[in-house]
Amino acid sequence: MPFSHHHHHSEESTTSNNDASQLTQALETMSEDDLPVSKVAKAMSGGALSHKSLYGNTHHVRVGEQNYNNLAFTTSALPMQQDLAYYESPPGVKFIHCAMNGRAVSGGEITLIDAMAAAHRLRELWPASFETLTQCPATFINQRDGASMTYPRPHIALSEEESQEINAVYWSPPQEGPVCLPPGQAERYHEAYADFERLLNGGEGDDDELCRYAHEYTWERKLRPGEMLVFNNRRMLHGRRGFSVVEGASFEDRQRHLVACFTDIDDTLNSYRVLLREKGAASTPILNIGNGTNIVP
């Protein structure tokens, strides 16, 4: 099974925010169809955005957001997670456009880790924990004003072939409710859950092989104004370092403004494969994209 390992990497933003300030003002008055993140996403998916019922076609994440209903709208650190895991078919690709990230904003780096590669490593290091996470259904949930969604499934899905290849990983701690398991099985589940959590997020114990994996294979970047991050939400888990804003700085330097949206995995894969066929490259290998099947004919 091919894996795309992402080694630890960090970059700081040194770009002036003058242009970003103008861009942010433009984004506030721009139609949704004209937003840069929307244009790029539609170009990749054949013209459609997805999963819009809860947060809209596009959603803005700003410093000081009021009446938030998601941890992303706070300044807190976010653990590795997959967006909208309570859907039967979670979003395929996520697009994050950095409109502004002021000089007075400290931290807030975006982090990524390959969930399927991590699950493969768990299988090697702690096979009992791996097996538990393939058998015990977690409860993915979103219960709030305007939302009532629940979808139970194991964290790791395997193919039905003899090879039992890892086909998908579902992981989203902020969107998980109580598990419905017998007491003995629940205990094994929570122990296995803790093992995989250390593998994905690391911890204090550098002598712990699981934590070392997270430190070695976590990619991170502090987005610069104008940059756009695009990643596979079905395979790559994402998180965020906590951030703070220096008091007394100018309004412009205190701003952190991201604009995000999703596309469907099947629509996006279709556009990619059609493009390969048109370019005479239809035989190009496609990595296991984490959508529940290891066969991409």
C-alpha atoms as a PDB file:
ATOM      1  CA  MET A   1       0.000   0.000   0.000  1.00  0.00           C
ATOM      2  CA  PRO A   2       1.518   3.345  -1.007  1.00  0.00           C
ATOM      3  CA  PHE A   3       1.768   6.030   1.646  1.00  0.00           C
ATOM      4  CA  SER A   4       2.545   9.725   1.376  1.00  0.00           C
ATOM      5  CA  HIS A   5       4.611  10.465   4.498  1.00  0.00           C
ATOM      6  CA  HIS A   6       4.870  14.144   5.381  1.00  0.00           C
ATOM      7  CA  HIS A   7       7.917  14.991   7.480  1.00  0.00           C
ATOM      8  CA  HIS A   8       7.781  17.724  10.100  1.00  0.00           C
ATOM      9  CA  HIS A   9       8.104  21.114   8.465  1.00  0.00           C
ATOM     10  CA  SER A  10       7.413  24.619   9.696  1.00  0.00           C
ATOM     11  CA  GLU A  11       7.562  28.019   8.030  1.00  0.00           C
ATOM     12  CA  GLU A  12       6.831  31.467   9.408  1.00  0.00           C
ATOM     13  CA  SER A  13       4.968  34.203   7.587  1.00  0.00           C
ATOM     14  CA  THR A  14       7.020  37.316   6.874  1.00  0.00           C
ATOM     15  CA  THR A  15       4.849  38.767   4.154  1.00  0.00           C
ATOM     16  CA  SER A  16       3.500  42.297   4.571  1.00  0.00           C
ATOM     17  CA  ASN A  17      -0.209  42.385   5.299  1.00  0.00           C
ATOM     18  CA  ASN A  18      -1.012  45.539   3.293  1.00  0.00           C
ATOM     19  CA  ASP A  19      -2.216  43.542   0.318  1.00  0.00           C
ATOM     20  CA  ALA A  20      -3.941  41.074   2.621  1.00  0.00           C
ATOM     21  CA  SER A  21      -5.950  43.879   4.231  1.00  0.00           C
ATOM     22  CA  GLN A  22      -7.305  44.891   0.840  1.00  0.00           C
ATOM     23  CA  LEU A  23      -8.004  41.263   0.008  1.00  0.00           C
ATOM     24  CA  THR A  24      -9.959  40.758   3.224  1.00  0.00           C
ATOM     25  CA  GLN A  25     -12.117  43.794   2.494  1.00  0.00           C
ATOM     26  CA  ALA A  26     -12.780  42.450  -0.984  1.00  0.00           C
ATOM     27  CA  LEU A  27     -13.709  39.019   0.372  1.00  0.00           C
ATOM     28  CA  GLU A  28     -16.331  40.551   2.655  1.00  0.00           C
ATOM     29  CA  THR A  29     -18.208  42.054  -0.293  1.00  0.00           C
ATOM     30  CA  MET A  30     -17.427  39.427  -2.941  1.00  0.00           C
ATOM     31  CA  SER A  31     -20.122  37.006  -4.086  1.00  0.00           C
ATOM     32  CA  GLU A  32     -19.591  33.413  -2.973  1.00  0.00           C
ATOM     33  CA  ASP A  33     -19.003  32.266  -6.550  1.00  0.00           C
ATOM     34  CA  ASP A  34     -16.181  34.792  -6.957  1.00  0.00           C
ATOM     35  CA  LEU A  35     -14.245  33.813  -3.839  1.00  0.00           C
ATOM     36  CA  PRO A  36     -10.789  32.448  -4.749  1.00  0.00           C
ATOM     37  CA  VAL A  37     -11.323  29.305  -2.657  1.00  0.00           C
ATOM     38  CA  SER A  38     -14.633  28.647  -4.408  1.00  0.00           C
ATOM     39  CA  LYS A  39     -13.158  29.110  -7.872  1.00  0.00           C
ATOM     40  CA  VAL A  40     -10.270  26.713  -7.235  1.00  0.00           C
ATOM     41  CA  ALA A  41     -12.515  24.101  -5.618  1.00  0.00           C
ATOM     42  CA  LYS A  42     -15.054  24.180  -8.437  1.00  0.00           C
ATOM     43  CA  ALA A  43     -12.300  23.912 -11.032  1.00  0.00           C
ATOM     44  CA  MET A  44     -11.102  20.713  -9.348  1.00  0.00           C
ATOM     45  CA  SER A  45     -14.511  19.135  -8.761  1.00  0.00           C
ATOM     46  CA  GLY A  46     -16.285  19.742 -12.053  1.00  0.00           C
ATOM     47  CA  GLY A  47     -18.169  22.813 -10.856  1.00  0.00           C
ATOM     48  CA  ALA A  48     -19.729  21.912  -7.501  1.00  0.00           C
ATOM     49  CA  LEU A  49     -18.993  22.441  -3.803  1.00  0.00           C
ATOM     50  CA  SER A  50     -20.274  19.940  -1.248  1.00  0.00           C
ATOM     51  CA  HIS A  51     -21.519  19.460   2.334  1.00  0.00           C
ATOM     52  CA  LYS A  52     -23.029  22.919   2.597  1.00  0.00           C
ATOM     53  CA  SER A  53     -26.096  22.370   4.797  1.00  0.00           C
ATOM     54  CA  LEU A  54     -24.382  23.105   8.153  1.00  0.00           C
ATOM     55  CA  TYR A  55     -21.754  25.753   7.336  1.00  0.00           C
ATOM     56  CA  GLY A  56     -22.697  26.996   3.876  1.00  0.00           C
ATOM     57  CA  ASN A  57     -20.892  26.604   0.556  1.00  0.00           C
ATOM     58  CA  THR A  58     -17.954  28.489   2.056  1.00  0.00           C
ATOM     59  CA  HIS A  59     -17.218  29.425   5.649  1.00  0.00           C
ATOM     60  CA  HIS A  60     -15.057  32.162   7.151  1.00  0.00           C
ATOM     61  CA  VAL A  61     -12.917  31.581  10.248  1.00  0.00           C
ATOM     62  CA  ARG A  62     -11.832  34.870  11.838  1.00  0.00           C
ATOM     63  CA  VAL A  63     -10.193  36.026  15.054  1.00  0.00           C
ATOM     64  CA  GLY A  64     -12.813  36.997  17.620  1.00  0.00           C
ATOM     65  CA  GLU A  65     -15.696  35.156  15.963  1.00  0.00           C
ATOM     66  CA  GLN A  66     -18.848  35.489  18.075  1.00  0.00           C
ATOM     67  CA  ASN A  67     -21.551  32.859  18.705  1.00  0.00           C
ATOM     68  CA  TYR A  68     -19.350  30.106  17.324  1.00  0.00           C
ATOM     69  CA  ASN A  69     -20.568  26.481  17.158  1.00  0.00           C
ATOM     70  CA  ASN A  70     -17.244  24.846  16.308  1.00  0.00           C
ATOM     71  CA  LEU A  71     -13.857  24.802  18.066  1.00  0.00           C
ATOM     72  CA  ALA A  72     -12.256  26.034  14.849  1.00  0.00           C
ATOM     73  CA  PHE A  73     -13.688  29.480  15.623  1.00  0.00           C
ATOM     74  CA  THR A  74     -11.687  29.715  18.876  1.00  0.00           C
ATOM     75  CA  THR A  75      -7.966  30.315  19.442  1.00  0.00           C
ATOM     76  CA  SER A  76      -7.480  26.879  21.017  1.00  0.00           C
ATOM     77  CA  ALA A  77      -5.223  24.164  19.650  1.00  0.00           C
ATOM     78  CA  LEU A  78      -7.102  21.564  17.619  1.00  0.00           C
ATOM     79  CA  PRO A  79      -6.095  17.872  17.661  1.00  0.00           C
ATOM     80  CA  MET A  80      -5.771  15.886  14.452  1.00  0.00           C
ATOM     81  CA  GLN A  81      -9.216  15.275  13.000  1.00  0.00           C
ATOM     82  CA  GLN A  82     -11.312  14.694   9.920  1.00  0.00           C
ATOM     83  CA  ASP A  83     -14.075  17.156   9.114  1.00  0.00           C
ATOM     84  CA  LEU A  84     -17.717  16.053   9.152  1.00  0.00           C
ATOM     85  CA  ALA A  85     -17.054  12.416  10.085  1.00  0.00           C
ATOM     86  CA  TYR A  86     -20.716  12.148  11.131  1.00  0.00           C
ATOM     87  CA  TYR A  87     -21.719  12.095   7.434  1.00  0.00           C
ATOM     88  CA  GLU A  88     -22.117   8.723   5.703  1.00  0.00           C
ATOM     89  CA  SER A  89     -19.758  10.166   3.087  1.00  0.00           C
ATOM     90  CA  PRO A  90     -17.534  12.875   4.639  1.00  0.00           C
ATOM     91  CA  PRO A  91     -16.103  15.630   2.425  1.00  0.00           C
ATOM     92  CA  GLY A  92     -13.424  14.493   0.001  1.00  0.00           C
ATOM     93  CA  VAL A  93     -11.176  17.528  -0.391  1.00  0.00           C
ATOM     94  CA  LYS A  94     -10.847  20.573   1.861  1.00  0.00           C
ATOM     95  CA  PHE A  95      -9.657  23.956   0.641  1.00  0.00           C
ATOM     96  CA  ILE A  96      -8.373  26.615   3.076  1.00  0.00           C
ATOM     97  CA  HIS A  97      -7.520  30.074   1.729  1.00  0.00           C
ATOM     98  CA  CYS A  98      -5.549  32.361   4.038  1.00  0.00           C
ATOM     99  CA  ALA A  99      -6.876  35.867   3.469  1.00  0.00           C
ATOM    100  CA  MET A 100      -5.004  37.427   6.381  1.00  0.00           C
ATOM    101  CA  ASN A 101      -2.579  36.361   9.098  1.00  0.00           C
ATOM    102  CA  GLY A 102      -1.304  39.465  10.871  1.00  0.00           C
ATOM    103  CA  ARG A 103       2.125  40.047  12.418  1.00  0.00           C
ATOM    104  CA  ALA A 104       0.599  40.133  15.904  1.00  0.00           C
ATOM    105  CA  VAL A 105      -0.837  36.619  15.539  1.00  0.00           C
ATOM    106  CA  SER A 106       1.487  34.137  17.245  1.00  0.00           C
ATOM    107  CA  GLY A 107       1.020  30.446  16.449  1.00  0.00           C
ATOM    108  CA  GLY A 108      -1.935  28.997  14.567  1.00  0.00           C
ATOM    109  CA  GLU A 109       0.081  26.687  12.304  1.00  0.00           C
ATOM    110  CA  ILE A 110      -2.003  24.153  10.339  1.00  0.00           C
ATOM    111  CA  THR A 111      -0.913  20.541  10.902  1.00  0.00           C
ATOM    112  CA  LEU A 112      -1.431  17.433   8.748  1.00  0.00           C
ATOM    113  CA  ILE A 113      -0.756  13.719   9.170  1.00  0.00           C
ATOM    114  CA  ASP A 114      -1.526  10.774   6.883  1.00  0.00           C
ATOM    115  CA  ALA A 115      -4.190   8.794   8.775  1.00  0.00           C
ATOM    116  CA  MET A 116      -3.855   5.667   6.655  1.00  0.00           C
ATOM    117  CA  ALA A 117      -0.084   5.547   7.013  1.00  0.00           C
ATOM    118  CA  ALA A 118      -0.531   6.049  10.766  1.00  0.00           C
ATOM    119  CA  ALA A 119      -3.055   3.193  10.921  1.00  0.00           C
ATOM    120  CA  HIS A 120      -0.584   0.983   9.057  1.00  0.00           C
ATOM    121  CA  ARG A 121       2.073   1.829  11.655  1.00  0.00           C
ATOM    122  CA  LEU A 122      -0.346   1.083  14.516  1.00  0.00           C
ATOM    123  CA  ARG A 123      -0.957  -2.303  12.918  1.00  0.00           C
ATOM    124  CA  GLU A 124       2.791  -2.984  13.088  1.00  0.00           C
ATOM    125  CA  LEU A 125       3.403  -1.660  16.608  1.00  0.00           C
ATOM    126  CA  TRP A 126       0.186  -2.553  18.461  1.00  0.00           C
ATOM    127  CA  PRO A 127      -1.793  -5.114  16.411  1.00  0.00           C
ATOM    128  CA  ALA A 128      -4.302  -5.719  19.215  1.00  0.00           C
ATOM    129  CA  SER A 129      -5.175  -2.005  19.362  1.00  0.00           C
ATOM    130  CA  PHE A 130      -5.397  -1.891  15.579  1.00  0.00           C
ATOM    131  CA  GLU A 131      -7.797  -4.843  15.512  1.00  0.00           C
ATOM    132  CA  THR A 132      -9.972  -3.283  18.206  1.00  0.00           C
ATOM    133  CA  LEU A 133     -10.334  -0.073  16.180  1.00  0.00           C
ATOM    134  CA  THR A 134     -11.430  -2.097  13.138  1.00  0.00           C
ATOM    135  CA  GLN A 135     -14.178  -3.840  15.118  1.00  0.00           C
ATOM    136  CA  CYS A 136     -15.628  -1.418  17.694  1.00  0.00           C
ATOM    137  CA  PRO A 137     -17.931   1.261  16.274  1.00  0.00           C
ATOM    138  CA  ALA A 138     -17.288   4.829  17.386  1.00  0.00           C
ATOM    139  CA  THR A 139     -20.184   7.305  17.543  1.00  0.00           C
ATOM    140  CA  PHE A 140     -19.661  10.340  15.321  1.00  0.00           C
ATOM    141  CA  ILE A 141     -22.135  13.039  16.194  1.00  0.00           C
ATOM    142  CA  ASN A 142     -23.198  16.656  15.709  1.00  0.00           C
ATOM    143  CA  GLN A 143     -26.018  17.737  18.004  1.00  0.00           C
ATOM    144  CA  ARG A 144     -26.602  21.488  18.235  1.00  0.00           C
ATOM    145  CA  ASP A 145     -29.032  24.141  17.050  1.00  0.00           C
ATOM    146  CA  GLY A 146     -29.766  23.340  13.414  1.00  0.00           C
ATOM    147  CA  ALA A 147     -27.973  19.978  13.429  1.00  0.00           C
ATOM    148  CA  SER A 148     -28.917  16.457  14.545  1.00  0.00           C
ATOM    149  CA  MET A 149     -26.554  13.975  12.916  1.00  0.00           C
ATOM    150  CA  THR A 150     -25.180  10.646  14.184  1.00  0.00           C
ATOM    151  CA  TYR A 151     -23.215   7.967  12.343  1.00  0.00           C
ATOM    152  CA  PRO A 152     -21.656   4.942  14.098  1.00  0.00           C
ATOM    153  CA  ARG A 153     -18.722   3.120  12.476  1.00  0.00           C
ATOM    154  CA  PRO A 154     -15.291   1.714  13.382  1.00  0.00           C
ATOM    155  CA  HIS A 155     -12.327   4.075  13.166  1.00  0.00           C
ATOM    156  CA  ILE A 156     -10.503   1.857  10.644  1.00  0.00           C
ATOM    157  CA  ALA A 157     -12.143   0.144   7.652  1.00  0.00           C
ATOM    158  CA  LEU A 158     -10.492  -2.826   5.937  1.00  0.00           C
ATOM    159  CA  SER A 159     -11.009  -4.369   2.511  1.00  0.00           C
ATOM    160  CA  GLU A 160     -12.795  -7.688   2.287  1.00  0.00           C
ATOM    161  CA  GLU A 161      -9.929  -9.278   0.360  1.00  0.00           C
ATOM    162  CA  GLU A 162      -7.523 -11.631   2.090  1.00  0.00           C
ATOM    163  CA  SER A 163      -4.949  -8.816   2.271  1.00  0.00           C
ATOM    164  CA  GLN A 164      -7.339  -6.754   4.443  1.00  0.00           C
ATOM    165  CA  GLU A 165      -5.877  -3.512   3.148  1.00  0.00           C
ATOM    166  CA  ILE A 166      -6.700  -0.340   5.052  1.00  0.00           C
ATOM    167  CA  ASN A 167      -9.387   1.399   3.004  1.00  0.00           C
ATOM    168  CA  ALA A 168     -10.435   4.268   5.247  1.00  0.00           C
ATOM    169  CA  VAL A 169      -9.820   5.926   8.603  1.00  0.00           C
ATOM    170  CA  TYR A 170     -12.463   7.922  10.491  1.00  0.00           C
ATOM    171  CA  TRP A 171     -11.110  10.081  13.311  1.00  0.00           C
ATOM    172  CA  SER A 172     -12.594  13.236  14.778  1.00  0.00           C
ATOM    173  CA  PRO A 173     -12.409  13.626  18.597  1.00  0.00           C
ATOM    174  CA  PRO A 174     -14.432  16.899  18.707  1.00  0.00           C
ATOM    175  CA  GLN A 175     -17.269  15.123  16.862  1.00  0.00           C
ATOM    176  CA  GLU A 176     -17.468  11.898  18.868  1.00  0.00           C
ATOM    177  CA  GLY A 177     -20.159  10.896  21.355  1.00  0.00           C
ATOM    178  CA  PRO A 178     -20.459   7.997  23.828  1.00  0.00           C
ATOM    179  CA  VAL A 179     -19.717   4.554  22.413  1.00  0.00           C
ATOM    180  CA  CYS A 180     -22.363   1.836  22.705  1.00  0.00           C
ATOM    181  CA  LEU A 181     -20.251  -1.171  23.715  1.00  0.00           C
ATOM    182  CA  PRO A 182     -20.326  -3.860  26.447  1.00  0.00           C
ATOM    183  CA  PRO A 183     -18.165  -2.901  29.473  1.00  0.00           C
ATOM    184  CA  GLY A 184     -15.246  -5.229  28.664  1.00  0.00           C
ATOM    185  CA  GLN A 185     -15.176  -4.211  25.029  1.00  0.00           C
ATOM    186  CA  ALA A 186     -15.477  -0.533  25.938  1.00  0.00           C
ATOM    187  CA  GLU A 187     -12.343  -0.765  28.087  1.00  0.00           C
ATOM    188  CA  ARG A 188     -10.360  -2.321  25.232  1.00  0.00           C
ATOM    189  CA  TYR A 189     -11.715   0.338  22.872  1.00  0.00           C
ATOM    190  CA  HIS A 190     -10.579   3.235  25.076  1.00  0.00           C
ATOM    191  CA  GLU A 191      -7.118   1.711  25.482  1.00  0.00           C
ATOM    192  CA  ALA A 192      -6.790   1.283  21.708  1.00  0.00           C
ATOM    193  CA  TYR A 193      -8.148   4.787  21.180  1.00  0.00           C
ATOM    194  CA  ALA A 194      -5.447   6.216  23.469  1.00  0.00           C
ATOM    195  CA  ASP A 195      -2.737   4.363  21.528  1.00  0.00           C
ATOM    196  CA  PHE A 196      -3.884   5.750  18.174  1.00  0.00           C
ATOM    197  CA  GLU A 197      -4.313   9.228  19.653  1.00  0.00           C
ATOM    198  CA  ARG A 198      -0.660   9.247  20.751  1.00  0.00           C
ATOM    199  CA  LEU A 199       0.378   8.069  17.302  1.00  0.00           C
ATOM    200  CA  LEU A 200      -1.497  10.979  15.676  1.00  0.00           C
ATOM    201  CA  ASN A 201      -0.907  13.815  18.164  1.00  0.00           C
ATOM    202  CA  GLY A 202       2.236  12.851  20.052  1.00  0.00           C
ATOM    203  CA  GLY A 203       2.736  13.822  23.667  1.00  0.00           C
ATOM    204  CA  GLU A 204       5.312  14.375  26.349  1.00  0.00           C
ATOM    205  CA  GLY A 205       6.962  10.963  26.093  1.00  0.00           C
ATOM    206  CA  ASP A 206       9.633  11.234  23.418  1.00  0.00           C
ATOM    207  CA  ASP A 207      10.753   7.736  24.402  1.00  0.00           C
ATOM    208  CA  ASP A 208       7.313   6.434  23.392  1.00  0.00           C
ATOM    209  CA  GLU A 209       7.487   4.997  19.855  1.00  0.00           C
ATOM    210  CA  LEU A 210       3.925   6.087  19.149  1.00  0.00           C
ATOM    211  CA  CYS A 211       4.668   9.700  20.109  1.00  0.00           C
ATOM    212  CA  ARG A 212       7.892   9.686  18.117  1.00  0.00           C
ATOM    213  CA  TYR A 213       5.928   8.730  15.018  1.00  0.00           C
ATOM    214  CA  ALA A 214       3.668  11.774  15.423  1.00  0.00           C
ATOM    215  CA  HIS A 215       6.650  14.114  15.855  1.00  0.00           C
ATOM    216  CA  GLU A 216       8.407  12.691  12.798  1.00  0.00           C
ATOM    217  CA  TYR A 217       5.488  12.546  10.373  1.00  0.00           C
ATOM    218  CA  THR A 218       3.511  15.682  11.237  1.00  0.00           C
ATOM    219  CA  TRP A 219       3.624  18.426   8.596  1.00  0.00           C
ATOM    220  CA  GLU A 220       2.904  21.971   9.722  1.00  0.00           C
ATOM    221  CA  ARG A 221       2.830  25.420   8.200  1.00  0.00           C
ATOM    222  CA  LYS A 222       1.755  28.893   9.209  1.00  0.00           C
ATOM    223  CA  LEU A 223      -0.154  29.984   6.142  1.00  0.00           C
ATOM    224  CA  ARG A 224       0.856  33.258   4.521  1.00  0.00           C
ATOM    225  CA  PRO A 225      -1.783  35.689   3.238  1.00  0.00           C
ATOM    226  CA  GLY A 226      -2.798  34.629  -0.260  1.00  0.00           C
ATOM    227  CA  GLU A 227      -1.796  30.977   0.182  1.00  0.00           C
ATOM    228  CA  MET A 228      -4.294  28.146  -0.206  1.00  0.00           C
ATOM    229  CA  LEU A 229      -3.956  24.712   1.380  1.00  0.00           C
ATOM    230  CA  VAL A 230      -5.687  21.820  -0.418  1.00  0.00           C
ATOM    231  CA  PHE A 231      -5.768  18.331   1.079  1.00  0.00           C
ATOM    232  CA  ASN A 232      -7.668  15.033   1.018  1.00  0.00           C
ATOM    233  CA  ASN A 233     -10.024  15.096   4.022  1.00  0.00           C
ATOM    234  CA  ARG A 234     -10.642  11.349   3.670  1.00  0.00           C
ATOM    235  CA  ARG A 235      -6.981  10.442   4.118  1.00  0.00           C
ATOM    236  CA  MET A 236      -5.198  13.386   5.757  1.00  0.00           C
ATOM    237  CA  LEU A 237      -6.137  14.442   9.283  1.00  0.00           C
ATOM    238  CA  HIS A 238      -5.640  18.110  10.072  1.00  0.00           C
ATOM    239  CA  GLY A 239      -5.183  20.116  13.235  1.00  0.00           C
ATOM    240  CA  ARG A 240      -4.023  23.532  14.402  1.00  0.00           C
ATOM    241  CA  ARG A 241      -1.565  24.887  16.920  1.00  0.00           C
ATOM    242  CA  GLY A 242      -3.140  27.229  19.432  1.00  0.00           C
ATOM    243  CA  PHE A 243      -2.598  30.913  18.776  1.00  0.00           C
ATOM    244  CA  SER A 244      -2.714  34.252  20.556  1.00  0.00           C
ATOM    245  CA  VAL A 245      -2.916  37.866  19.483  1.00  0.00           C
ATOM    246  CA  VAL A 246      -0.628  40.557  20.908  1.00  0.00           C
ATOM    247  CA  GLU A 247      -2.623  43.215  22.741  1.00  0.00           C
ATOM    248  CA  GLY A 248      -2.146  46.781  21.581  1.00  0.00           C
ATOM    249  CA  ALA A 249      -1.192  45.869  18.017  1.00  0.00           C
ATOM    250  CA  SER A 250      -2.928  47.525  15.098  1.00  0.00           C
ATOM    251  CA  PHE A 251      -6.280  46.186  13.928  1.00  0.00           C
ATOM    252  CA  GLU A 252      -4.703  44.916  10.722  1.00  0.00           C
ATOM    253  CA  ASP A 253      -1.880  43.078  12.502  1.00  0.00           C
ATOM    254  CA  ARG A 254      -4.360  41.356  14.823  1.00  0.00           C
ATOM    255  CA  GLN A 255      -6.382  39.776  12.019  1.00  0.00           C
ATOM    256  CA  ARG A 256      -6.445  36.058  11.170  1.00  0.00           C
ATOM    257  CA  HIS A 257      -8.968  35.281   8.443  1.00  0.00           C
ATOM    258  CA  LEU A 258      -9.335  31.942   6.654  1.00  0.00           C
ATOM    259  CA  VAL A 259     -11.976  30.953   4.083  1.00  0.00           C
ATOM    260  CA  ALA A 260     -12.724  27.265   3.537  1.00  0.00           C
ATOM    261  CA  CYS A 261     -14.932  24.901   1.563  1.00  0.00           C
ATOM    262  CA  PHE A 262     -15.282  21.245   0.561  1.00  0.00           C
ATOM    263  CA  THR A 263     -15.710  19.138  -2.553  1.00  0.00           C
ATOM    264  CA  ASP A 264     -17.040  15.606  -2.906  1.00  0.00           C
ATOM    265  CA  ILE A 265     -14.414  12.859  -3.269  1.00  0.00           C
ATOM    266  CA  ASP A 266     -16.167  11.222  -6.230  1.00  0.00           C
ATOM    267  CA  ASP A 267     -16.697  14.462  -8.161  1.00  0.00           C
ATOM    268  CA  THR A 268     -13.069  15.486  -7.612  1.00  0.00           C
ATOM    269  CA  LEU A 269     -11.661  12.066  -8.497  1.00  0.00           C
ATOM    270  CA  ASN A 270     -13.815  12.015 -11.623  1.00  0.00           C
ATOM    271  CA  SER A 271     -12.432  15.383 -12.773  1.00  0.00           C
ATOM    272  CA  TYR A 272      -8.889  14.158 -12.177  1.00  0.00           C
ATOM    273  CA  ARG A 273      -9.363  10.901 -14.071  1.00  0.00           C
ATOM    274  CA  VAL A 274     -11.080  12.622 -17.013  1.00  0.00           C
ATOM    275  CA  LEU A 275      -8.171  15.081 -17.186  1.00  0.00           C
ATOM    276  CA  LEU A 276      -5.677  12.182 -17.174  1.00  0.00           C
ATOM    277  CA  ARG A 277      -7.589  10.519 -20.010  1.00  0.00           C
ATOM    278  CA  GLU A 278      -7.675  13.722 -22.051  1.00  0.00           C
ATOM    279  CA  LYS A 279      -3.911  14.129 -21.578  1.00  0.00           C
ATOM    280  CA  GLY A 280      -3.232  10.544 -22.657  1.00  0.00           C
ATOM    281  CA  ALA A 281      -2.176   9.544 -19.158  1.00  0.00           C
ATOM    282  CA  ALA A 282      -5.108   7.347 -18.129  1.00  0.00           C
ATOM    283  CA  SER A 283      -2.740   4.635 -16.887  1.00  0.00           C
ATOM    284  CA  THR A 284      -1.260   6.929 -14.204  1.00  0.00           C
ATOM    285  CA  PRO A 285      -1.347   5.089 -10.832  1.00  0.00           C
ATOM    286  CA  ILE A 286      -3.724   6.594  -8.256  1.00  0.00           C
ATOM    287  CA  LEU A 287      -2.905   6.209  -4.567  1.00  0.00           C
ATOM    288  CA  ASN A 288      -5.460   4.766  -2.174  1.00  0.00           C
ATOM    289  CA  ILE A 289      -7.433   7.925  -1.467  1.00  0.00           C
ATOM    290  CA  GLY A 290      -9.204   6.690   1.676  1.00  0.00           C
ATOM    291  CA  ASN A 291     -12.729   6.600   0.295  1.00  0.00           C
ATOM    292  CA  GLY A 292     -13.504   3.032   1.384  1.00  0.00           C
ATOM    293  CA  THR A 293     -12.125   1.156  -1.615  1.00  0.00           C
ATOM    294  CA  ASN A 294      -8.603   0.259  -2.659  1.00  0.00           C
ATOM    295  CA  ILE A 295      -9.667  -0.345  -6.270  1.00  0.00           C
ATOM    296  CA  VAL A 296      -9.594   2.640  -8.621  1.00  0.00           C
ATOM    297  CA  PRO A 297     -10.117   1.122 -12.114  1.00  0.00           C
END
